[in-house]
Amino acid sequence: MKKILLLCLLTLISFSCKKDKKESADEKVTKKEVAQFPFEVPKNRTKQETIYYIIRHAEKNTSDPKDEDPFLTEQGIKRANDWADYFKDKNIEQIFSSQYKRTTQTAIPTASLKQLNIKDYDSNAERIYTKYFWLQTYGKVNLIVGHSNTNPRIVNEILGYSKYDDIDKSVHDKVFKVVITKDLKIQDEILFRSEK
């Protein structure tokens, strides 16, 4: 009986160790993948600069704490219109918004001004900045409307390392600007839209 119990215990421990090793290997692959994202010029395309402006959604209605997908407040709608004014002189060619009302509402005035459709992306995805997203945005000036936690994450995924932390939830005027040059060099900076 003791031998059977010991055998069961050893089997359980060996499976636990294998599982832990597998998870560690997966984590290393994920980190390696992020650190070595293949910025390659897409086949049959000329070398072009790619630009991303990444902003957080405007102020959302927080009156109902149970509402996980609220609309913008009146102040938020004003800010969304101010963003359109900010981007009017920038050659935005594509606009992406997460699947939430607040991000879509923030993007609408700029999309209307630029006569562009809003494309959605899944802000809950394990990885947002994928090779598919790179190919979709390559050579264009892109506006991405996201969240306090996804915007720094997108920039960090482009950079291949964690440079930026989540944005404070009270900050709505921060713009991440990322330029990928023709030579696939990455330049990033933080801009602030001045309040009117």
N, C-alpha and C. Protein backbone atom coordinates (compact mmCIF):
# COMPACT_ATOMS: atom_id res chain seq x y z
N MET A 1 0.82 -1.19 0.00
CA MET A 1 0.00 0.00 0.00
C MET A 1 0.87 1.26 0.00
N LYS A 2 1.95 1.22 0.82
CA LYS A 2 2.84 2.37 0.87
C LYS A 2 3.52 2.59 -0.47
N LYS A 3 3.86 1.49 -1.17
CA LYS A 3 4.51 1.60 -2.47
C LYS A 3 3.57 2.23 -3.49
N ILE A 4 2.31 1.85 -3.47
CA ILE A 4 1.33 2.41 -4.40
C ILE A 4 1.14 3.90 -4.11
N LEU A 5 1.03 4.25 -2.86
CA LEU A 5 0.87 5.64 -2.46
C LEU A 5 2.09 6.46 -2.90
N LEU A 6 3.27 5.91 -2.68
CA LEU A 6 4.51 6.57 -3.08
C LEU A 6 4.58 6.73 -4.60
N LEU A 7 4.18 5.71 -5.33
CA LEU A 7 4.16 5.75 -6.79
C LEU A 7 3.19 6.83 -7.29
N CYS A 8 2.01 6.88 -6.69
CA CYS A 8 1.03 7.91 -7.07
C CYS A 8 1.58 9.31 -6.79
N LEU A 9 2.21 9.48 -5.64
CA LEU A 9 2.78 10.78 -5.27
C LEU A 9 3.88 11.19 -6.25
N LEU A 10 4.77 10.26 -6.59
CA LEU A 10 5.84 10.55 -7.55
C LEU A 10 5.29 10.89 -8.93
N THR A 11 4.26 10.18 -9.36
CA THR A 11 3.63 10.46 -10.65
C THR A 11 3.03 11.86 -10.66
N LEU A 12 2.34 12.20 -9.59
CA LEU A 12 1.72 13.52 -9.47
C LEU A 12 2.79 14.61 -9.51
N ILE A 13 3.88 14.41 -8.79
CA ILE A 13 4.96 15.40 -8.77
C ILE A 13 5.59 15.54 -10.15
N SER A 14 5.80 14.43 -10.84
CA SER A 14 6.43 14.51 -12.16
C SER A 14 5.54 15.25 -13.15
N PHE A 15 4.22 15.02 -13.09
CA PHE A 15 3.32 15.76 -13.98
C PHE A 15 3.32 17.24 -13.64
N SER A 16 3.37 17.57 -12.35
CA SER A 16 3.39 18.97 -11.94
C SER A 16 4.65 19.65 -12.45
N CYS A 17 5.78 18.98 -12.34
CA CYS A 17 7.04 19.56 -12.82
C CYS A 17 7.02 19.77 -14.32
N LYS A 18 6.49 18.82 -15.06
CA LYS A 18 6.41 18.97 -16.51
C LYS A 18 5.52 20.14 -16.88
N LYS A 19 4.40 20.28 -16.19
CA LYS A 19 3.49 21.38 -16.48
C LYS A 19 4.19 22.72 -16.23
N ASP A 20 4.90 22.84 -15.09
CA ASP A 20 5.60 24.07 -14.79
C ASP A 20 6.65 24.37 -15.84
N LYS A 21 7.38 23.36 -16.29
CA LYS A 21 8.40 23.56 -17.32
C LYS A 21 7.76 24.01 -18.62
N LYS A 22 6.61 23.44 -18.96
CA LYS A 22 5.92 23.81 -20.20
C LYS A 22 5.49 25.27 -20.13
N GLU A 23 4.90 25.68 -19.01
CA GLU A 23 4.48 27.07 -18.88
C GLU A 23 5.67 28.01 -18.98
N SER A 24 6.79 27.64 -18.35
CA SER A 24 7.98 28.48 -18.43
C SER A 24 8.47 28.59 -19.87
N ALA A 25 8.44 27.49 -20.59
CA ALA A 25 8.87 27.50 -21.99
C ALA A 25 7.94 28.39 -22.81
N ASP A 26 6.62 28.30 -22.56
CA ASP A 26 5.67 29.14 -23.27
C ASP A 26 5.93 30.61 -22.99
N GLU A 27 6.21 30.93 -21.71
CA GLU A 27 6.49 32.31 -21.36
C GLU A 27 7.73 32.81 -22.10
N LYS A 28 8.76 31.99 -22.17
CA LYS A 28 9.98 32.39 -22.88
C LYS A 28 9.71 32.61 -24.36
N VAL A 29 8.88 31.77 -24.95
CA VAL A 29 8.54 31.93 -26.36
C VAL A 29 7.82 33.25 -26.57
N THR A 30 6.86 33.54 -25.67
CA THR A 30 6.10 34.78 -25.80
C THR A 30 7.04 35.99 -25.68
N LYS A 31 7.92 35.98 -24.70
CA LYS A 31 8.84 37.10 -24.53
C LYS A 31 9.77 37.22 -25.73
N LYS A 32 10.25 36.09 -26.20
CA LYS A 32 11.15 36.10 -27.36
C LYS A 32 10.41 36.62 -28.59
N GLU A 33 9.14 36.22 -28.73
CA GLU A 33 8.34 36.65 -29.86
C GLU A 33 8.18 38.17 -29.85
N VAL A 34 7.90 38.74 -28.68
CA VAL A 34 7.73 40.18 -28.56
C VAL A 34 9.05 40.88 -28.85
N ALA A 35 10.15 40.36 -28.32
CA ALA A 35 11.45 41.00 -28.49
C ALA A 35 11.96 40.90 -29.92
N GLN A 36 11.48 39.94 -30.69
CA GLN A 36 11.98 39.76 -32.04
C GLN A 36 10.86 39.84 -33.08
N PHE A 37 9.94 40.75 -32.89
CA PHE A 37 8.86 40.89 -33.86
C PHE A 37 9.45 41.23 -35.22
N PRO A 38 9.06 40.50 -36.24
CA PRO A 38 9.72 40.66 -37.56
C PRO A 38 9.20 41.85 -38.36
N PHE A 39 9.79 43.00 -38.15
CA PHE A 39 9.43 44.16 -38.97
C PHE A 39 10.08 44.00 -40.33
N GLU A 40 9.37 43.38 -41.22
CA GLU A 40 9.87 43.20 -42.57
C GLU A 40 8.99 43.99 -43.52
N VAL A 41 9.59 44.52 -44.53
CA VAL A 41 8.79 45.18 -45.56
C VAL A 41 7.95 44.10 -46.22
N PRO A 42 6.64 44.30 -46.29
CA PRO A 42 5.80 43.28 -46.92
C PRO A 42 6.24 43.00 -48.36
N LYS A 43 6.07 41.77 -48.78
CA LYS A 43 6.45 41.37 -50.14
C LYS A 43 5.75 42.24 -51.17
N ASN A 44 6.47 42.55 -52.22
CA ASN A 44 5.97 43.35 -53.35
C ASN A 44 5.56 44.77 -52.94
N ARG A 45 6.12 45.28 -51.85
CA ARG A 45 5.83 46.65 -51.40
C ARG A 45 7.13 47.42 -51.34
N THR A 46 7.08 48.70 -51.64
CA THR A 46 8.26 49.55 -51.53
C THR A 46 8.46 49.94 -50.07
N LYS A 47 9.65 50.35 -49.72
CA LYS A 47 9.93 50.80 -48.36
C LYS A 47 9.17 52.09 -48.10
N GLN A 48 8.39 52.10 -47.03
CA GLN A 48 7.59 53.27 -46.68
C GLN A 48 7.61 53.48 -45.18
N GLU A 49 7.39 54.71 -44.79
CA GLU A 49 7.28 55.03 -43.38
C GLU A 49 5.87 54.68 -42.90
N THR A 50 5.76 54.19 -41.67
CA THR A 50 4.47 53.87 -41.06
C THR A 50 4.37 54.67 -39.76
N ILE A 51 3.24 55.34 -39.57
CA ILE A 51 3.06 56.19 -38.39
C ILE A 51 1.80 55.76 -37.64
N TYR A 52 1.93 55.75 -36.31
CA TYR A 52 0.79 55.45 -35.43
C TYR A 52 0.62 56.59 -34.44
N TYR A 53 -0.61 57.11 -34.36
CA TYR A 53 -1.01 58.00 -33.27
C TYR A 53 -1.95 57.16 -32.42
N ILE A 54 -1.63 57.06 -31.15
CA ILE A 54 -2.42 56.19 -30.27
C ILE A 54 -2.95 57.03 -29.11
N ILE A 55 -4.28 57.11 -29.03
CA ILE A 55 -4.91 57.94 -27.99
C ILE A 55 -5.87 57.11 -27.15
N ARG A 56 -6.12 57.61 -25.97
CA ARG A 56 -7.10 56.97 -25.08
C ARG A 56 -8.48 57.55 -25.38
N HIS A 57 -9.51 56.75 -25.14
CA HIS A 57 -10.88 57.25 -25.30
C HIS A 57 -11.11 58.45 -24.40
N ALA A 58 -12.08 59.25 -24.76
CA ALA A 58 -12.44 60.42 -23.96
C ALA A 58 -13.21 59.99 -22.71
N GLU A 59 -13.58 60.96 -21.89
CA GLU A 59 -14.23 60.67 -20.61
C GLU A 59 -15.51 59.86 -20.80
N LYS A 60 -15.61 58.78 -20.03
CA LYS A 60 -16.78 57.91 -20.10
C LYS A 60 -17.70 58.18 -18.92
N ASN A 61 -18.94 57.79 -19.09
CA ASN A 61 -19.95 57.93 -18.04
C ASN A 61 -19.71 56.85 -16.99
N THR A 62 -19.42 57.27 -15.77
CA THR A 62 -19.15 56.32 -14.68
C THR A 62 -20.27 56.28 -13.65
N SER A 63 -21.45 56.80 -13.99
CA SER A 63 -22.55 56.87 -13.02
C SER A 63 -23.09 55.49 -12.65
N ASP A 64 -22.95 54.51 -13.54
CA ASP A 64 -23.40 53.15 -13.25
C ASP A 64 -22.18 52.23 -13.22
N PRO A 65 -21.70 51.90 -12.02
CA PRO A 65 -20.49 51.07 -11.92
C PRO A 65 -20.64 49.68 -12.55
N LYS A 66 -21.88 49.23 -12.75
CA LYS A 66 -22.11 47.91 -13.35
C LYS A 66 -22.03 47.95 -14.87
N ASP A 67 -22.09 49.14 -15.46
CA ASP A 67 -22.06 49.28 -16.91
C ASP A 67 -20.61 49.16 -17.39
N GLU A 68 -20.30 48.05 -18.04
CA GLU A 68 -18.94 47.81 -18.51
C GLU A 68 -18.66 48.44 -19.87
N ASP A 69 -19.69 48.96 -20.52
CA ASP A 69 -19.50 49.56 -21.84
C ASP A 69 -20.31 50.86 -21.93
N PRO A 70 -19.92 51.85 -21.12
CA PRO A 70 -20.69 53.10 -21.11
C PRO A 70 -20.38 54.01 -22.29
N PHE A 71 -21.30 54.94 -22.52
CA PHE A 71 -21.10 55.97 -23.52
C PHE A 71 -20.22 57.07 -22.94
N LEU A 72 -19.83 58.01 -23.78
CA LEU A 72 -19.06 59.16 -23.31
C LEU A 72 -19.97 60.14 -22.58
N THR A 73 -19.37 60.93 -21.70
CA THR A 73 -20.08 62.02 -21.05
C THR A 73 -20.13 63.20 -22.01
N GLU A 74 -20.79 64.26 -21.59
CA GLU A 74 -20.81 65.49 -22.41
C GLU A 74 -19.38 66.01 -22.60
N GLN A 75 -18.59 65.98 -21.52
CA GLN A 75 -17.18 66.40 -21.61
C GLN A 75 -16.42 65.48 -22.56
N GLY A 76 -16.74 64.19 -22.52
CA GLY A 76 -16.09 63.24 -23.41
C GLY A 76 -16.40 63.51 -24.88
N ILE A 77 -17.64 63.86 -25.15
CA ILE A 77 -18.04 64.17 -26.54
C ILE A 77 -17.31 65.43 -27.02
N LYS A 78 -17.18 66.41 -26.11
CA LYS A 78 -16.42 67.62 -26.46
C LYS A 78 -14.97 67.25 -26.78
N ARG A 79 -14.39 66.40 -25.94
CA ARG A 79 -13.00 66.00 -26.16
C ARG A 79 -12.84 65.24 -27.48
N ALA A 80 -13.80 64.38 -27.79
CA ALA A 80 -13.74 63.63 -29.06
C ALA A 80 -13.72 64.61 -30.24
N ASN A 81 -14.51 65.67 -30.14
CA ASN A 81 -14.50 66.69 -31.19
C ASN A 81 -13.18 67.46 -31.21
N ASP A 82 -12.62 67.69 -30.03
CA ASP A 82 -11.31 68.35 -29.96
C ASP A 82 -10.23 67.48 -30.60
N TRP A 83 -10.34 66.15 -30.44
CA TRP A 83 -9.38 65.25 -31.09
C TRP A 83 -9.47 65.39 -32.60
N ALA A 84 -10.68 65.50 -33.13
CA ALA A 84 -10.84 65.68 -34.58
C ALA A 84 -10.12 66.95 -35.03
N ASP A 85 -10.25 67.99 -34.23
CA ASP A 85 -9.56 69.25 -34.55
C ASP A 85 -8.04 69.06 -34.50
N TYR A 86 -7.57 68.32 -33.52
CA TYR A 86 -6.13 68.04 -33.38
C TYR A 86 -5.60 67.28 -34.60
N PHE A 87 -6.38 66.32 -35.09
CA PHE A 87 -5.92 65.48 -36.20
C PHE A 87 -6.26 66.02 -37.59
N LYS A 88 -6.93 67.17 -37.68
CA LYS A 88 -7.37 67.67 -38.99
C LYS A 88 -6.20 67.92 -39.94
N ASP A 89 -5.05 68.35 -39.42
CA ASP A 89 -3.90 68.65 -40.27
C ASP A 89 -2.93 67.47 -40.40
N LYS A 90 -3.29 66.37 -39.81
CA LYS A 90 -2.45 65.18 -39.91
C LYS A 90 -3.07 64.25 -40.94
N ASN A 91 -2.26 63.64 -41.71
CA ASN A 91 -2.75 62.84 -42.84
C ASN A 91 -3.20 61.44 -42.40
N ILE A 92 -4.19 61.40 -41.52
CA ILE A 92 -4.69 60.11 -41.02
C ILE A 92 -5.33 59.36 -42.19
N GLU A 93 -4.90 58.12 -42.40
CA GLU A 93 -5.43 57.31 -43.50
C GLU A 93 -6.29 56.14 -43.02
N GLN A 94 -6.11 55.76 -41.77
CA GLN A 94 -6.89 54.66 -41.20
C GLN A 94 -7.15 54.95 -39.73
N ILE A 95 -8.32 54.53 -39.27
CA ILE A 95 -8.66 54.69 -37.86
C ILE A 95 -9.09 53.34 -37.31
N PHE A 96 -8.51 53.00 -36.16
CA PHE A 96 -8.84 51.75 -35.47
C PHE A 96 -9.38 52.08 -34.09
N SER A 97 -10.39 51.33 -33.69
CA SER A 97 -10.99 51.51 -32.38
C SER A 97 -11.22 50.14 -31.76
N SER A 98 -11.09 50.07 -30.43
CA SER A 98 -11.44 48.81 -29.77
C SER A 98 -12.95 48.64 -29.89
N GLN A 99 -13.45 47.52 -29.40
CA GLN A 99 -14.84 47.14 -29.58
C GLN A 99 -15.81 47.84 -28.63
N TYR A 100 -15.36 48.84 -27.90
CA TYR A 100 -16.22 49.49 -26.91
C TYR A 100 -16.83 50.79 -27.44
N LYS A 101 -17.99 51.15 -26.89
CA LYS A 101 -18.70 52.35 -27.32
C LYS A 101 -17.85 53.61 -27.12
N ARG A 102 -17.17 53.69 -25.99
CA ARG A 102 -16.42 54.90 -25.66
C ARG A 102 -15.27 55.16 -26.64
N THR A 103 -14.63 54.10 -27.13
CA THR A 103 -13.55 54.30 -28.09
C THR A 103 -14.11 54.65 -29.46
N THR A 104 -15.18 53.97 -29.83
CA THR A 104 -15.81 54.27 -31.12
C THR A 104 -16.33 55.70 -31.13
N GLN A 105 -17.00 56.11 -30.05
CA GLN A 105 -17.50 57.48 -29.97
C GLN A 105 -16.36 58.50 -30.04
N THR A 106 -15.22 58.17 -29.46
CA THR A 106 -14.07 59.07 -29.50
C THR A 106 -13.53 59.19 -30.93
N ALA A 107 -13.60 58.11 -31.68
CA ALA A 107 -13.07 58.09 -33.05
C ALA A 107 -14.01 58.72 -34.07
N ILE A 108 -15.30 58.73 -33.81
CA ILE A 108 -16.29 59.16 -34.80
C ILE A 108 -16.03 60.56 -35.37
N PRO A 109 -15.80 61.61 -34.56
CA PRO A 109 -15.59 62.93 -35.17
C PRO A 109 -14.40 62.98 -36.13
N THR A 110 -13.30 62.32 -35.78
CA THR A 110 -12.13 62.31 -36.67
C THR A 110 -12.44 61.51 -37.93
N ALA A 111 -13.11 60.38 -37.78
CA ALA A 111 -13.49 59.56 -38.94
C ALA A 111 -14.42 60.34 -39.87
N SER A 112 -15.34 61.09 -39.28
CA SER A 112 -16.27 61.89 -40.08
C SER A 112 -15.51 62.99 -40.83
N LEU A 113 -14.63 63.67 -40.14
CA LEU A 113 -13.84 64.74 -40.76
C LEU A 113 -12.98 64.21 -41.90
N LYS A 114 -12.37 63.05 -41.69
CA LYS A 114 -11.47 62.46 -42.69
C LYS A 114 -12.20 61.58 -43.69
N GLN A 115 -13.49 61.38 -43.50
CA GLN A 115 -14.32 60.51 -44.35
C GLN A 115 -13.73 59.10 -44.42
N LEU A 116 -13.49 58.54 -43.22
CA LEU A 116 -12.92 57.20 -43.10
C LEU A 116 -13.84 56.30 -42.31
N ASN A 117 -13.80 55.03 -42.61
CA ASN A 117 -14.49 54.05 -41.78
C ASN A 117 -13.63 53.74 -40.57
N ILE A 118 -14.27 53.34 -39.50
CA ILE A 118 -13.54 52.93 -38.30
C ILE A 118 -13.40 51.42 -38.32
N LYS A 119 -12.16 50.95 -38.23
CA LYS A 119 -11.90 49.51 -38.19
C LYS A 119 -11.74 49.12 -36.73
N ASP A 120 -12.26 47.97 -36.38
CA ASP A 120 -12.12 47.58 -34.98
C ASP A 120 -10.99 46.59 -34.77
N TYR A 121 -10.51 46.56 -33.54
CA TYR A 121 -9.52 45.58 -33.11
C TYR A 121 -9.94 45.08 -31.73
N ASP A 122 -9.50 43.91 -31.37
CA ASP A 122 -9.88 43.31 -30.10
C ASP A 122 -8.88 43.71 -29.02
N SER A 123 -9.30 44.62 -28.15
CA SER A 123 -8.40 45.10 -27.10
C SER A 123 -8.16 44.05 -26.02
N ASN A 124 -8.95 42.98 -26.03
CA ASN A 124 -8.77 41.91 -25.05
C ASN A 124 -7.89 40.77 -25.58
N ALA A 125 -7.43 40.90 -26.82
CA ALA A 125 -6.59 39.86 -27.41
C ALA A 125 -5.29 39.74 -26.63
N GLU A 126 -4.73 38.56 -26.65
CA GLU A 126 -3.46 38.34 -25.95
C GLU A 126 -2.37 39.25 -26.50
N ARG A 127 -2.38 39.45 -27.80
CA ARG A 127 -1.43 40.33 -28.47
C ARG A 127 -2.20 41.17 -29.47
N ILE A 128 -2.06 42.47 -29.40
CA ILE A 128 -2.78 43.36 -30.30
C ILE A 128 -1.95 43.64 -31.56
N TYR A 129 -0.69 43.97 -31.36
CA TYR A 129 0.16 44.33 -32.50
C TYR A 129 0.77 43.07 -33.11
N THR A 130 0.02 42.47 -33.99
CA THR A 130 0.43 41.22 -34.64
C THR A 130 1.02 41.51 -36.01
N LYS A 131 1.54 40.50 -36.63
CA LYS A 131 2.07 40.65 -37.99
C LYS A 131 0.94 41.06 -38.94
N TYR A 132 -0.25 40.51 -38.72
CA TYR A 132 -1.40 40.89 -39.54
C TYR A 132 -1.69 42.38 -39.39
N PHE A 133 -1.64 42.90 -38.16
CA PHE A 133 -1.90 44.32 -37.93
C PHE A 133 -0.82 45.16 -38.61
N TRP A 134 0.42 44.71 -38.53
CA TRP A 134 1.54 45.39 -39.20
C TRP A 134 1.29 45.48 -40.70
N LEU A 135 0.91 44.38 -41.31
CA LEU A 135 0.66 44.37 -42.76
C LEU A 135 -0.52 45.27 -43.12
N GLN A 136 -1.52 45.31 -42.25
CA GLN A 136 -2.72 46.11 -42.49
C GLN A 136 -2.43 47.61 -42.39
N THR A 137 -1.44 47.98 -41.59
CA THR A 137 -1.16 49.39 -41.34
C THR A 137 0.11 49.90 -42.04
N TYR A 138 0.84 49.01 -42.65
CA TYR A 138 2.13 49.34 -43.25
C TYR A 138 2.02 50.50 -44.25
N GLY A 139 2.94 51.46 -44.11
CA GLY A 139 3.02 52.57 -45.07
C GLY A 139 1.94 53.61 -44.93
N LYS A 140 1.19 53.56 -43.84
CA LYS A 140 0.07 54.50 -43.66
C LYS A 140 0.23 55.29 -42.36
N VAL A 141 -0.56 56.34 -42.27
CA VAL A 141 -0.67 57.11 -41.03
C VAL A 141 -1.94 56.62 -40.35
N ASN A 142 -1.79 56.03 -39.17
CA ASN A 142 -2.87 55.34 -38.49
C ASN A 142 -3.21 55.99 -37.16
N LEU A 143 -4.49 56.09 -36.87
CA LEU A 143 -4.96 56.52 -35.55
C LEU A 143 -5.55 55.30 -34.86
N ILE A 144 -5.10 55.05 -33.64
CA ILE A 144 -5.63 53.94 -32.85
C ILE A 144 -6.23 54.53 -31.58
N VAL A 145 -7.50 54.24 -31.34
CA VAL A 145 -8.18 54.71 -30.13
C VAL A 145 -8.34 53.52 -29.19
N GLY A 146 -7.76 53.65 -28.01
CA GLY A 146 -7.77 52.54 -27.08
C GLY A 146 -8.03 52.97 -25.65
N HIS A 147 -7.32 52.33 -24.74
CA HIS A 147 -7.60 52.45 -23.31
C HIS A 147 -6.33 52.73 -22.52
N SER A 148 -6.52 53.03 -21.24
CA SER A 148 -5.38 53.37 -20.38
C SER A 148 -4.38 52.22 -20.25
N ASN A 149 -4.85 51.00 -20.42
CA ASN A 149 -3.93 49.85 -20.31
C ASN A 149 -3.50 49.31 -21.67
N THR A 150 -4.32 49.47 -22.71
CA THR A 150 -3.94 48.89 -24.01
C THR A 150 -3.00 49.78 -24.81
N ASN A 151 -3.12 51.08 -24.67
CA ASN A 151 -2.26 51.97 -25.47
C ASN A 151 -0.78 51.79 -25.17
N PRO A 152 -0.37 51.80 -23.89
CA PRO A 152 1.04 51.54 -23.62
C PRO A 152 1.45 50.13 -24.07
N ARG A 153 0.53 49.20 -23.94
CA ARG A 153 0.81 47.82 -24.34
C ARG A 153 1.10 47.73 -25.84
N ILE A 154 0.31 48.42 -26.65
CA ILE A 154 0.52 48.42 -28.09
C ILE A 154 1.91 48.98 -28.41
N VAL A 155 2.24 50.11 -27.79
CA VAL A 155 3.56 50.72 -28.03
C VAL A 155 4.66 49.76 -27.60
N ASN A 156 4.50 49.15 -26.43
CA ASN A 156 5.51 48.19 -25.95
C ASN A 156 5.64 47.00 -26.89
N GLU A 157 4.54 46.54 -27.46
CA GLU A 157 4.60 45.42 -28.42
C GLU A 157 5.35 45.83 -29.68
N ILE A 158 5.15 47.05 -30.13
CA ILE A 158 5.88 47.54 -31.30
C ILE A 158 7.37 47.62 -30.98
N LEU A 159 7.69 48.18 -29.81
CA LEU A 159 9.08 48.36 -29.41
C LEU A 159 9.79 47.03 -29.13
N GLY A 160 9.01 46.05 -28.67
CA GLY A 160 9.61 44.76 -28.33
C GLY A 160 10.06 44.66 -26.89
N TYR A 161 9.76 45.66 -26.09
CA TYR A 161 10.07 45.61 -24.65
C TYR A 161 9.12 46.56 -23.91
N SER A 162 9.07 46.43 -22.60
CA SER A 162 8.16 47.24 -21.79
C SER A 162 8.79 48.56 -21.39
N LYS A 163 8.42 49.59 -22.10
CA LYS A 163 8.93 50.94 -21.81
C LYS A 163 7.89 51.77 -21.08
N TYR A 164 6.60 51.58 -21.42
CA TYR A 164 5.54 52.43 -20.89
C TYR A 164 4.62 51.65 -19.96
N ASP A 165 4.21 52.32 -18.86
CA ASP A 165 3.24 51.77 -17.92
C ASP A 165 1.85 52.24 -18.31
N ASP A 166 0.84 51.65 -17.67
CA ASP A 166 -0.54 52.06 -17.91
C ASP A 166 -0.69 53.56 -17.66
N ILE A 167 -1.63 54.16 -18.37
CA ILE A 167 -1.90 55.59 -18.23
C ILE A 167 -2.83 55.79 -17.03
N ASP A 168 -2.61 56.83 -16.27
CA ASP A 168 -3.51 57.17 -15.18
C ASP A 168 -4.90 57.39 -15.76
N LYS A 169 -5.91 56.88 -15.07
CA LYS A 169 -7.28 56.93 -15.59
C LYS A 169 -7.83 58.36 -15.72
N SER A 170 -7.18 59.33 -15.11
CA SER A 170 -7.64 60.72 -15.23
C SER A 170 -7.03 61.43 -16.44
N VAL A 171 -6.10 60.77 -17.14
CA VAL A 171 -5.40 61.39 -18.27
C VAL A 171 -6.08 61.01 -19.58
N HIS A 172 -6.50 62.04 -20.32
CA HIS A 172 -7.18 61.81 -21.59
C HIS A 172 -6.55 62.57 -22.75
N ASP A 173 -5.43 63.26 -22.50
CA ASP A 173 -4.86 64.12 -23.54
C ASP A 173 -3.48 63.64 -24.00
N LYS A 174 -3.10 62.42 -23.66
CA LYS A 174 -1.79 61.89 -24.01
C LYS A 174 -1.87 61.20 -25.38
N VAL A 175 -0.89 61.50 -26.22
CA VAL A 175 -0.80 60.88 -27.54
C VAL A 175 0.54 60.14 -27.62
N PHE A 176 0.48 58.86 -27.89
CA PHE A 176 1.71 58.13 -28.21
C PHE A 176 1.88 58.26 -29.72
N LYS A 177 3.05 58.69 -30.14
CA LYS A 177 3.33 58.73 -31.57
C LYS A 177 4.49 57.77 -31.82
N VAL A 178 4.27 56.82 -32.70
CA VAL A 178 5.30 55.84 -33.05
C VAL A 178 5.51 55.91 -34.56
N VAL A 179 6.76 56.09 -34.95
CA VAL A 179 7.11 56.13 -36.37
C VAL A 179 8.04 54.95 -36.64
N ILE A 180 7.69 54.17 -37.64
CA ILE A 180 8.58 53.12 -38.11
C ILE A 180 9.11 53.60 -39.45
N THR A 181 10.39 53.88 -39.49
CA THR A 181 10.99 54.48 -40.68
C THR A 181 11.07 53.48 -41.82
N LYS A 182 11.44 53.99 -43.00
CA LYS A 182 11.61 53.13 -44.17
C LYS A 182 12.64 52.04 -43.91
N ASP A 183 13.61 52.36 -43.05
CA ASP A 183 14.67 51.40 -42.71
C ASP A 183 14.30 50.54 -41.50
N LEU A 184 13.03 50.60 -41.10
CA LEU A 184 12.48 49.79 -40.00
C LEU A 184 13.10 50.12 -38.65
N LYS A 185 13.44 51.39 -38.47
CA LYS A 185 13.88 51.89 -37.17
C LYS A 185 12.64 52.45 -36.48
N ILE A 186 12.57 52.29 -35.16
CA ILE A 186 11.38 52.73 -34.42
C ILE A 186 11.71 53.98 -33.63
N GLN A 187 10.86 55.00 -33.80
CA GLN A 187 10.97 56.24 -33.03
C GLN A 187 9.65 56.41 -32.27
N ASP A 188 9.73 56.63 -30.98
CA ASP A 188 8.51 56.82 -30.20
C ASP A 188 8.62 58.07 -29.34
N GLU A 189 7.49 58.70 -29.14
CA GLU A 189 7.44 59.88 -28.29
C GLU A 189 6.04 60.04 -27.73
N ILE A 190 5.95 60.80 -26.65
CA ILE A 190 4.66 61.11 -26.05
C ILE A 190 4.39 62.58 -26.30
N LEU A 191 3.21 62.87 -26.82
CA LEU A 191 2.77 64.24 -27.06
C LEU A 191 1.57 64.49 -26.17
N PHE A 192 1.30 65.74 -25.87
CA PHE A 192 0.09 66.08 -25.13
C PHE A 192 -0.68 67.11 -25.94
N ARG A 193 -1.95 66.81 -26.13
CA ARG A 193 -2.82 67.77 -26.83
C ARG A 193 -3.13 68.88 -25.86
N SER A 194 -2.88 70.11 -26.26
CA SER A 194 -3.15 71.22 -25.36
C SER A 194 -4.65 71.45 -25.23
N GLU A 195 -5.08 71.76 -24.03
CA GLU A 195 -6.50 72.01 -23.75
C GLU A 195 -6.89 73.38 -24.29
N LYS A 196 -8.14 73.46 -24.76
CA LYS A 196 -8.63 74.76 -25.26
C LYS A 196 -9.43 75.44 -24.19
